């Protein structure tokens, strides 16, 4: 599965979530497998208009239907293990 993180430069919430997602990816015993794509909302007007006040935004991309499903934004204080549990529900 593909996981998309919409973020913007200098966003500490975005950076924190990205670090946790990358930590999950590095865990070799992790049962939650996904590809992570980081999208900078400042590079496209439609992304910026949609998410300028919402970042970080996390979505699961379904290649078959070419659609994105939003994942509720996790707390900035969420642990990596709890984030992994949440992702397993969507992936």
PDB file of N, CA and C in Angstrom:
ATOM      1  N   UNK A   1       0.841  -1.185   0.000  1.00  0.00           N
ATOM      2  CA  UNK A   1       0.000   0.000   0.000  1.00  0.00           C
ATOM      3  C   UNK A   1       0.884   1.246   0.000  1.00  0.00           C
ATOM      4  N   UNK A   2       0.305   2.313  -0.475  1.00  0.00           N
ATOM      5  CA  UNK A   2       0.997   3.589  -0.502  1.00  0.00           C
ATOM      6  C   UNK A   2       0.390   4.515   0.538  1.00  0.00           C
ATOM      7  N   UNK A   3       1.255   5.118   1.313  1.00  0.00           N
ATOM      8  CA  UNK A   3       0.850   6.075   2.316  1.00  0.00           C
ATOM      9  C   UNK A   3       1.395   7.431   1.883  1.00  0.00           C
ATOM     10  N   UNK A   4       0.546   8.441   1.875  1.00  0.00           N
ATOM     11  CA  UNK A   4       0.949   9.783   1.456  1.00  0.00           C
ATOM     12  C   UNK A   4       0.900  10.701   2.664  1.00  0.00           C
ATOM     13  N   UNK A   5       1.971  11.439   2.861  1.00  0.00           N
ATOM     14  CA  UNK A   5       2.029  12.449   3.912  1.00  0.00           C
ATOM     15  C   UNK A   5       2.119  13.811   3.245  1.00  0.00           C
ATOM     16  N   UNK A   6       1.064  14.600   3.376  1.00  0.00           N
ATOM     17  CA  UNK A   6       1.084  15.974   2.896  1.00  0.00           C
ATOM     18  C   UNK A   6       1.694  16.830   3.999  1.00  0.00           C
ATOM     19  N   UNK A   7       2.720  17.581   3.641  1.00  0.00           N
ATOM     20  CA  UNK A   7       3.418  18.388   4.642  1.00  0.00           C
ATOM     21  C   UNK A   7       3.921  19.670   3.996  1.00  0.00           C
ATOM     22  N   UNK A   8       4.565  20.485   4.803  1.00  0.00           N
ATOM     23  CA  UNK A   8       5.198  21.688   4.264  1.00  0.00           C
ATOM     24  C   UNK A   8       6.485  21.945   5.031  1.00  0.00           C
ATOM     25  N   UNK A   9       7.438  22.610   4.396  1.00  0.00           N
ATOM     26  CA  UNK A   9       8.725  22.882   5.039  1.00  0.00           C
ATOM     27  C   UNK A   9       8.545  23.699   6.316  1.00  0.00           C
ATOM     28  N   UNK A  10       9.317  23.343   7.323  1.00  0.00           N
ATOM     29  CA  UNK A  10       9.298  24.083   8.577  1.00  0.00           C
ATOM     30  C   UNK A  10       8.167  23.711   9.516  1.00  0.00           C
ATOM     31  N   UNK A  11       7.368  22.726   9.146  1.00  0.00           N
ATOM     32  CA  UNK A  11       6.259  22.290   9.994  1.00  0.00           C
ATOM     33  C   UNK A  11       6.776  21.222  10.963  1.00  0.00           C
ATOM     34  N   UNK A  12       6.858  21.568  12.232  1.00  0.00           N
ATOM     35  CA  UNK A  12       7.394  20.633  13.219  1.00  0.00           C
ATOM     36  C   UNK A  12       6.474  19.424  13.415  1.00  0.00           C
ATOM     37  N   UNK A  13       5.167  19.620  13.285  1.00  0.00           N
ATOM     38  CA  UNK A  13       4.238  18.493  13.391  1.00  0.00           C
ATOM     39  C   UNK A  13       4.458  17.517  12.233  1.00  0.00           C
ATOM     40  N   UNK A  14       4.674  18.074  11.050  1.00  0.00           N
ATOM     41  CA  UNK A  14       4.932  17.236   9.870  1.00  0.00           C
ATOM     42  C   UNK A  14       6.224  16.448  10.040  1.00  0.00           C
ATOM     43  N   UNK A  15       7.260  17.121  10.487  1.00  0.00           N
ATOM     44  CA  UNK A  15       8.560  16.473  10.668  1.00  0.00           C
ATOM     45  C   UNK A  15       8.481  15.361  11.705  1.00  0.00           C
ATOM     46  N   UNK A  16       7.755  15.612  12.786  1.00  0.00           N
ATOM     47  CA  UNK A  16       7.613  14.604  13.841  1.00  0.00           C
ATOM     48  C   UNK A  16       6.881  13.373  13.342  1.00  0.00           C
ATOM     49  N   UNK A  17       5.799  13.574  12.595  1.00  0.00           N
ATOM     50  CA  UNK A  17       5.052  12.441  12.058  1.00  0.00           C
ATOM     51  C   UNK A  17       5.876  11.694  11.030  1.00  0.00           C
ATOM     52  N   UNK A  18       6.602  12.406  10.189  1.00  0.00           N
ATOM     53  CA  UNK A  18       7.448  11.756   9.194  1.00  0.00           C
ATOM     54  C   UNK A  18       8.514  10.886   9.865  1.00  0.00           C
ATOM     55  N   UNK A  19       9.124  11.386  10.927  1.00  0.00           N
ATOM     56  CA  UNK A  19      10.139  10.610  11.650  1.00  0.00           C
ATOM     57  C   UNK A  19       9.553   9.314  12.204  1.00  0.00           C
ATOM     58  N   UNK A  20       8.355   9.390  12.751  1.00  0.00           N
ATOM     59  CA  UNK A  20       7.709   8.198  13.305  1.00  0.00           C
ATOM     60  C   UNK A  20       7.366   7.194  12.203  1.00  0.00           C
ATOM     61  N   UNK A  21       6.878   7.693  11.076  1.00  0.00           N
ATOM     62  CA  UNK A  21       6.565   6.806   9.955  1.00  0.00           C
ATOM     63  C   UNK A  21       7.823   6.128   9.423  1.00  0.00           C
ATOM     64  N   UNK A  22       8.910   6.872   9.329  1.00  0.00           N
ATOM     65  CA  UNK A  22      10.173   6.298   8.860  1.00  0.00           C
ATOM     66  C   UNK A  22      10.711   5.278   9.852  1.00  0.00           C
ATOM     67  N   UNK A  23      10.494   5.502  11.134  1.00  0.00           N
ATOM     68  CA  UNK A  23      10.909   4.536  12.150  1.00  0.00           C
ATOM     69  C   UNK A  23      10.134   3.227  11.983  1.00  0.00           C
ATOM     70  N   UNK A  24       8.841   3.330  11.697  1.00  0.00           N
ATOM     71  CA  UNK A  24       8.024   2.135  11.463  1.00  0.00           C
ATOM     72  C   UNK A  24       8.551   1.386  10.238  1.00  0.00           C
ATOM     73  N   UNK A  25       8.902   2.113   9.195  1.00  0.00           N
ATOM     74  CA  UNK A  25       9.425   1.484   7.970  1.00  0.00           C
ATOM     75  C   UNK A  25      10.749   0.762   8.211  1.00  0.00           C
ATOM     76  N   UNK A  26      11.583   1.300   9.095  1.00  0.00           N
ATOM     77  CA  UNK A  26      12.897   0.710   9.373  1.00  0.00           C
ATOM     78  C   UNK A  26      12.813  -0.559  10.218  1.00  0.00           C
ATOM     79  N   UNK A  27      11.723  -0.737  10.938  1.00  0.00           N
ATOM     80  CA  UNK A  27      11.562  -1.891  11.821  1.00  0.00           C
ATOM     81  C   UNK A  27      11.386  -3.158  10.997  1.00  0.00           C
ATOM     82  N   UNK A  28      12.382  -4.027  11.022  1.00  0.00           N
ATOM     83  CA  UNK A  28      12.352  -5.237  10.194  1.00  0.00           C
ATOM     84  C   UNK A  28      11.283  -6.230  10.643  1.00  0.00           C
ATOM     85  N   UNK A  29      10.847  -6.151  11.893  1.00  0.00           N
ATOM     86  CA  UNK A  29       9.817  -7.059  12.396  1.00  0.00           C
ATOM     87  C   UNK A  29       8.415  -6.475  12.217  1.00  0.00           C
ATOM     88  N   UNK A  30       8.344  -5.337  11.582  1.00  0.00           N
ATOM     89  CA  UNK A  30       7.093  -4.625  11.393  1.00  0.00           C
ATOM     90  C   UNK A  30       6.173  -5.381  10.437  1.00  0.00           C
ATOM     91  N   UNK A  31       4.953  -5.601  10.859  1.00  0.00           N
ATOM     92  CA  UNK A  31       3.974  -6.268   9.998  1.00  0.00           C
ATOM     93  C   UNK A  31       3.189  -5.258   9.162  1.00  0.00           C
ATOM     94  N   UNK A  32       3.405  -4.005   9.399  1.00  0.00           N
ATOM     95  CA  UNK A  32       2.692  -2.928   8.704  1.00  0.00           C
ATOM     96  C   UNK A  32       3.573  -2.453   7.543  1.00  0.00           C
ATOM     97  N   UNK A  33       3.311  -2.961   6.350  1.00  0.00           N
ATOM     98  CA  UNK A  33       4.144  -2.646   5.188  1.00  0.00           C
ATOM     99  C   UNK A  33       3.464  -1.600   4.320  1.00  0.00           C
ATOM    100  N   UNK A  34       4.228  -0.575   3.943  1.00  0.00           N
ATOM    101  CA  UNK A  34       3.704   0.478   3.084  1.00  0.00           C
ATOM    102  C   UNK A  34       4.852   1.224   2.436  1.00  0.00           C
ATOM    103  N   UNK A  35       4.535   1.906   1.361  1.00  0.00           N
ATOM    104  CA  UNK A  35       5.462   2.835   0.727  1.00  0.00           C
ATOM    105  C   UNK A  35       5.066   4.224   1.187  1.00  0.00           C
ATOM    106  N   UNK A  36       6.028   5.029   1.553  1.00  0.00           N
ATOM    107  CA  UNK A  36       5.751   6.373   2.047  1.00  0.00           C
ATOM    108  C   UNK A  36       6.129   7.399   0.993  1.00  0.00           C
ATOM    109  N   UNK A  37       5.176   8.245   0.647  1.00  0.00           N
ATOM    110  CA  UNK A  37       5.411   9.348  -0.274  1.00  0.00           C
ATOM    111  C   UNK A  37       5.162  10.646   0.482  1.00  0.00           C
ATOM    112  N   UNK A  38       6.143  11.530   0.472  1.00  0.00           N
ATOM    113  CA  UNK A  38       6.019  12.825   1.123  1.00  0.00           C
ATOM    114  C   UNK A  38       5.687  13.848   0.046  1.00  0.00           C
ATOM    115  N   UNK A  39       4.592  14.576   0.235  1.00  0.00           N
ATOM    116  CA  UNK A  39       4.186  15.602  -0.721  1.00  0.00           C
ATOM    117  C   UNK A  39       4.234  16.968  -0.061  1.00  0.00           C
ATOM    118  N   UNK A  40       5.071  17.828  -0.607  1.00  0.00           N
ATOM    119  CA  UNK A  40       5.206  19.205  -0.121  1.00  0.00           C
ATOM    120  C   UNK A  40       4.064  20.025  -0.720  1.00  0.00           C
ATOM    121  N   UNK A  41       3.152  20.495   0.122  1.00  0.00           N
ATOM    122  CA  UNK A  41       1.970  21.198  -0.376  1.00  0.00           C
ATOM    123  C   UNK A  41       2.306  22.538  -1.027  1.00  0.00           C
ATOM    124  N   UNK A  42       3.510  23.037  -0.782  1.00  0.00           N
ATOM    125  CA  UNK A  42       3.877  24.325  -1.385  1.00  0.00           C
ATOM    126  C   UNK A  42       4.286  24.178  -2.843  1.00  0.00           C
ATOM    127  N   UNK A  43       4.360  22.950  -3.342  1.00  0.00           N
ATOM    128  CA  UNK A  43       4.787  22.733  -4.724  1.00  0.00           C
ATOM    129  C   UNK A  43       3.624  22.671  -5.712  1.00  0.00           C
ATOM    130  N   UNK A  44       2.396  22.549  -5.210  1.00  0.00           N
ATOM    131  CA  UNK A  44       1.228  22.492  -6.097  1.00  0.00           C
ATOM    132  C   UNK A  44       0.082  23.281  -5.483  1.00  0.00           C
ATOM    133  N   UNK A  45      -0.517  24.141  -6.289  1.00  0.00           N
ATOM    134  CA  UNK A  45      -1.598  25.005  -5.794  1.00  0.00           C
ATOM    135  C   UNK A  45      -2.770  24.216  -5.233  1.00  0.00           C
ATOM    136  N   UNK A  46      -3.168  23.126  -5.901  1.00  0.00           N
ATOM    137  CA  UNK A  46      -4.330  22.364  -5.414  1.00  0.00           C
ATOM    138  C   UNK A  46      -4.048  21.708  -4.062  1.00  0.00           C
ATOM    139  N   UNK A  47      -2.843  21.238  -3.840  1.00  0.00           N
ATOM    140  CA  UNK A  47      -2.496  20.673  -2.538  1.00  0.00           C
ATOM    141  C   UNK A  47      -2.497  21.770  -1.482  1.00  0.00           C
ATOM    142  N   UNK A  48      -1.930  22.922  -1.834  1.00  0.00           N
ATOM    143  CA  UNK A  48      -1.857  24.021  -0.882  1.00  0.00           C
ATOM    144  C   UNK A  48      -3.254  24.497  -0.485  1.00  0.00           C
ATOM    145  N   UNK A  49      -4.127  24.664  -1.471  1.00  0.00           N
ATOM    146  CA  UNK A  49      -5.492  25.103  -1.184  1.00  0.00           C
ATOM    147  C   UNK A  49      -6.230  24.096  -0.300  1.00  0.00           C
ATOM    148  N   UNK A  50      -6.002  22.826  -0.548  1.00  0.00           N
ATOM    149  CA  UNK A  50      -6.710  21.790   0.205  1.00  0.00           C
ATOM    150  C   UNK A  50      -6.184  21.617   1.630  1.00  0.00           C
ATOM    151  N   UNK A  51      -4.882  21.769   1.823  1.00  0.00           N
ATOM    152  CA  UNK A  51      -4.284  21.357   3.100  1.00  0.00           C
ATOM    153  C   UNK A  51      -3.493  22.438   3.840  1.00  0.00           C
ATOM    154  N   UNK A  52      -3.555  23.682   3.403  1.00  0.00           N
ATOM    155  CA  UNK A  52      -2.703  24.706   4.010  1.00  0.00           C
ATOM    156  C   UNK A  52      -2.912  24.869   5.514  1.00  0.00           C
ATOM    157  N   UNK A  53      -4.122  24.597   6.001  1.00  0.00           N
ATOM    158  CA  UNK A  53      -4.399  24.744   7.438  1.00  0.00           C
ATOM    159  C   UNK A  53      -4.526  23.395   8.139  1.00  0.00           C
ATOM    160  N   UNK A  54      -4.258  22.325   7.429  1.00  0.00           N
ATOM    161  CA  UNK A  54      -4.509  20.987   7.954  1.00  0.00           C
ATOM    162  C   UNK A  54      -3.261  20.132   8.169  1.00  0.00           C
ATOM    163  N   UNK A  55      -2.122  20.513   7.605  1.00  0.00           N
ATOM    164  CA  UNK A  55      -0.946  19.637   7.660  1.00  0.00           C
ATOM    165  C   UNK A  55      -0.536  19.355   9.087  1.00  0.00           C
ATOM    166  N   UNK A  56      -0.009  18.185   9.360  1.00  0.00           N
ATOM    167  CA  UNK A  56       0.207  17.082   8.427  1.00  0.00           C
ATOM    168  C   UNK A  56      -1.086  16.324   8.123  1.00  0.00           C
ATOM    169  N   UNK A  57      -1.205  15.889   6.884  1.00  0.00           N
ATOM    170  CA  UNK A  57      -2.347  15.098   6.450  1.00  0.00           C
ATOM    171  C   UNK A  57      -1.821  13.767   5.951  1.00  0.00           C
ATOM    172  N   UNK A  58      -2.428  12.704   6.433  1.00  0.00           N
ATOM    173  CA  UNK A  58      -2.005  11.354   6.097  1.00  0.00           C
ATOM    174  C   UNK A  58      -3.132  10.664   5.335  1.00  0.00           C
ATOM    175  N   UNK A  59      -2.782  10.046   4.195  1.00  0.00           N
ATOM    176  CA  UNK A  59      -3.769   9.366   3.354  1.00  0.00           C
ATOM    177  C   UNK A  59      -3.226   8.016   2.907  1.00  0.00           C
ATOM    178  N   UNK A  60      -4.137   7.090   2.707  1.00  0.00           N
ATOM    179  CA  UNK A  60      -3.808   5.823   2.071  1.00  0.00           C
ATOM    180  C   UNK A  60      -4.240   5.958   0.618  1.00  0.00           C
ATOM    181  N   UNK A  61      -3.328   5.657  -0.296  1.00  0.00           N
ATOM    182  CA  UNK A  61      -3.641   5.739  -1.716  1.00  0.00           C
ATOM    183  C   UNK A  61      -3.937   4.343  -2.238  1.00  0.00           C
ATOM    184  N   UNK A  62      -5.103   4.196  -2.858  1.00  0.00           N
ATOM    185  CA  UNK A  62      -5.499   2.934  -3.465  1.00  0.00           C
ATOM    186  C   UNK A  62      -5.251   3.055  -4.965  1.00  0.00           C
ATOM    187  N   UNK A  63      -4.266   2.328  -5.475  1.00  0.00           N
ATOM    188  CA  UNK A  63      -3.904   2.412  -6.886  1.00  0.00           C
ATOM    189  C   UNK A  63      -4.994   1.855  -7.794  1.00  0.00           C
ATOM    190  N   UNK A  64      -5.744   0.877  -7.302  1.00  0.00           N
ATOM    191  CA  UNK A  64      -6.807   0.286  -8.117  1.00  0.00           C
ATOM    192  C   UNK A  64      -7.910   1.289  -8.431  1.00  0.00           C
ATOM    193  N   UNK A  65      -8.317   2.025  -7.435  1.00  0.00           N
ATOM    194  CA  UNK A  65      -9.400   2.998  -7.620  1.00  0.00           C
ATOM    195  C   UNK A  65      -8.874   4.415  -7.849  1.00  0.00           C
ATOM    196  N   UNK A  66      -7.556   4.580  -7.721  1.00  0.00           N
ATOM    197  CA  UNK A  66      -6.910   5.893  -7.861  1.00  0.00           C
ATOM    198  C   UNK A  66      -7.564   6.919  -6.937  1.00  0.00           C
ATOM    199  N   UNK A  67      -7.761   6.494  -5.684  1.00  0.00           N
ATOM    200  CA  UNK A  67      -8.386   7.372  -4.707  1.00  0.00           C
ATOM    201  C   UNK A  67      -7.574   7.389  -3.416  1.00  0.00           C
ATOM    202  N   UNK A  68      -7.784   8.441  -2.652  1.00  0.00           N
ATOM    203  CA  UNK A  68      -7.106   8.596  -1.369  1.00  0.00           C
ATOM    204  C   UNK A  68      -8.129   8.530  -0.248  1.00  0.00           C
ATOM    205  N   UNK A  69      -7.765   7.833   0.820  1.00  0.00           N
ATOM    206  CA  UNK A  69      -8.604   7.770   2.012  1.00  0.00           C
ATOM    207  C   UNK A  69      -7.851   8.464   3.135  1.00  0.00           C
ATOM    208  N   UNK A  70      -8.469   9.485   3.696  1.00  0.00           N
ATOM    209  CA  UNK A  70      -7.837  10.211   4.799  1.00  0.00           C
ATOM    210  C   UNK A  70      -7.772   9.344   6.050  1.00  0.00           C
ATOM    211  N   UNK A  71      -6.660   9.451   6.741  1.00  0.00           N
ATOM    212  CA  UNK A  71      -6.499   8.821   8.043  1.00  0.00           C
ATOM    213  C   UNK A  71      -6.597   9.941   9.073  1.00  0.00           C
ATOM    214  N   UNK A  72      -7.415   9.775  10.107  1.00  0.00           N
ATOM    215  CA  UNK A  72      -7.510  10.839  11.123  1.00  0.00           C
ATOM    216  C   UNK A  72      -6.120  11.199  11.659  1.00  0.00           C
ATOM    217  N   UNK A  73      -5.905  12.490  11.814  1.00  0.00           N
ATOM    218  CA  UNK A  73      -4.585  12.956  12.241  1.00  0.00           C
ATOM    219  C   UNK A  73      -4.260  12.460  13.641  1.00  0.00           C
ATOM    220  N   UNK A  74      -3.125  11.785  13.779  1.00  0.00           N
ATOM    221  CA  UNK A  74      -2.733  11.316  15.116  1.00  0.00           C
ATOM    222  C   UNK A  74      -2.199  12.476  15.957  1.00  0.00           C
ATOM    223  N   UNK A  75      -2.280  12.299  17.248  1.00  0.00           N
ATOM    224  CA  UNK A  75      -1.739  13.282  18.175  1.00  0.00           C
ATOM    225  C   UNK A  75      -0.235  13.415  17.960  1.00  0.00           C
ATOM    226  N   UNK A  76       0.312  14.621  18.080  1.00  0.00           N
ATOM    227  CA  UNK A  76       1.764  14.788  17.963  1.00  0.00           C
ATOM    228  C   UNK A  76       2.537  14.000  19.019  1.00  0.00           C
ATOM    229  N   UNK A  77       1.871  13.644  20.102  1.00  0.00           N
ATOM    230  CA  UNK A  77       2.534  12.908  21.186  1.00  0.00           C
ATOM    231  C   UNK A  77       2.364  11.397  21.074  1.00  0.00           C
ATOM    232  N   UNK A  78       1.761  10.929  20.002  1.00  0.00           N
ATOM    233  CA  UNK A  78       1.502   9.500  19.845  1.00  0.00           C
ATOM    234  C   UNK A  78       2.825   8.729  19.798  1.00  0.00           C
ATOM    235  N   UNK A  79       2.813   7.553  20.382  1.00  0.00           N
ATOM    236  CA  UNK A  79       4.004   6.718  20.336  1.00  0.00           C
ATOM    237  C   UNK A  79       4.081   6.033  18.975  1.00  0.00           C
ATOM    238  N   UNK A  80       5.260   5.577  18.630  1.00  0.00           N
ATOM    239  CA  UNK A  80       5.456   4.876  17.364  1.00  0.00           C
ATOM    240  C   UNK A  80       4.624   3.597  17.334  1.00  0.00           C
ATOM    241  N   UNK A  81       4.578   2.869  18.451  1.00  0.00           N
ATOM    242  CA  UNK A  81       3.814   1.620  18.477  1.00  0.00           C
ATOM    243  C   UNK A  81       2.312   1.881  18.321  1.00  0.00           C
ATOM    244  N   UNK A  82       1.805   2.939  18.921  1.00  0.00           N
ATOM    245  CA  UNK A  82       0.386   3.276  18.781  1.00  0.00           C
ATOM    246  C   UNK A  82       0.080   3.729  17.353  1.00  0.00           C
ATOM    247  N   UNK A  83       0.969   4.492  16.746  1.00  0.00           N
ATOM    248  CA  UNK A  83       0.800   4.905  15.360  1.00  0.00           C
ATOM    249  C   UNK A  83       0.774   3.682  14.447  1.00  0.00           C
ATOM    250  N   UNK A  84       1.636   2.744  14.720  1.00  0.00           N
ATOM    251  CA  UNK A  84       1.660   1.512  13.934  1.00  0.00           C
ATOM    252  C   UNK A  84       0.332   0.770  14.041  1.00  0.00           C
ATOM    253  N   UNK A  85      -0.245   0.707  15.225  1.00  0.00           N
ATOM    254  CA  UNK A  85      -1.542   0.058  15.418  1.00  0.00           C
ATOM    255  C   UNK A  85      -2.635   0.753  14.605  1.00  0.00           C
ATOM    256  N   UNK A  86      -2.602   2.072  14.607  1.00  0.00           N
ATOM    257  CA  UNK A  86      -3.597   2.829  13.841  1.00  0.00           C
ATOM    258  C   UNK A  86      -3.436   2.558  12.347  1.00  0.00           C
ATOM    259  N   UNK A  87      -2.208   2.556  11.885  1.00  0.00           N
ATOM    260  CA  UNK A  87      -1.966   2.313  10.460  1.00  0.00           C
ATOM    261  C   UNK A  87      -2.439   0.933  10.013  1.00  0.00           C
ATOM    262  N   UNK A  88      -2.291  -0.058  10.889  1.00  0.00           N
ATOM    263  CA  UNK A  88      -2.709  -1.411  10.544  1.00  0.00           C
ATOM    264  C   UNK A  88      -4.209  -1.474  10.245  1.00  0.00           C
ATOM    265  N   UNK A  89      -4.978  -0.604  10.859  1.00  0.00           N
ATOM    266  CA  UNK A  89      -6.429  -0.568  10.602  1.00  0.00           C
ATOM    267  C   UNK A  89      -6.725  -0.102   9.180  1.00  0.00           C
ATOM    268  N   UNK A  90      -5.891   0.782   8.655  1.00  0.00           N
ATOM    269  CA  UNK A  90      -6.131   1.385   7.348  1.00  0.00           C
ATOM    270  C   UNK A  90      -5.388   0.687   6.220  1.00  0.00           C
ATOM    271  N   UNK A  91      -4.324   0.004   6.554  1.00  0.00           N
ATOM    272  CA  UNK A  91      -3.528  -0.661   5.522  1.00  0.00           C
ATOM    273  C   UNK A  91      -3.929  -2.114   5.450  1.00  0.00           C
TER     274      UNK A  91
END
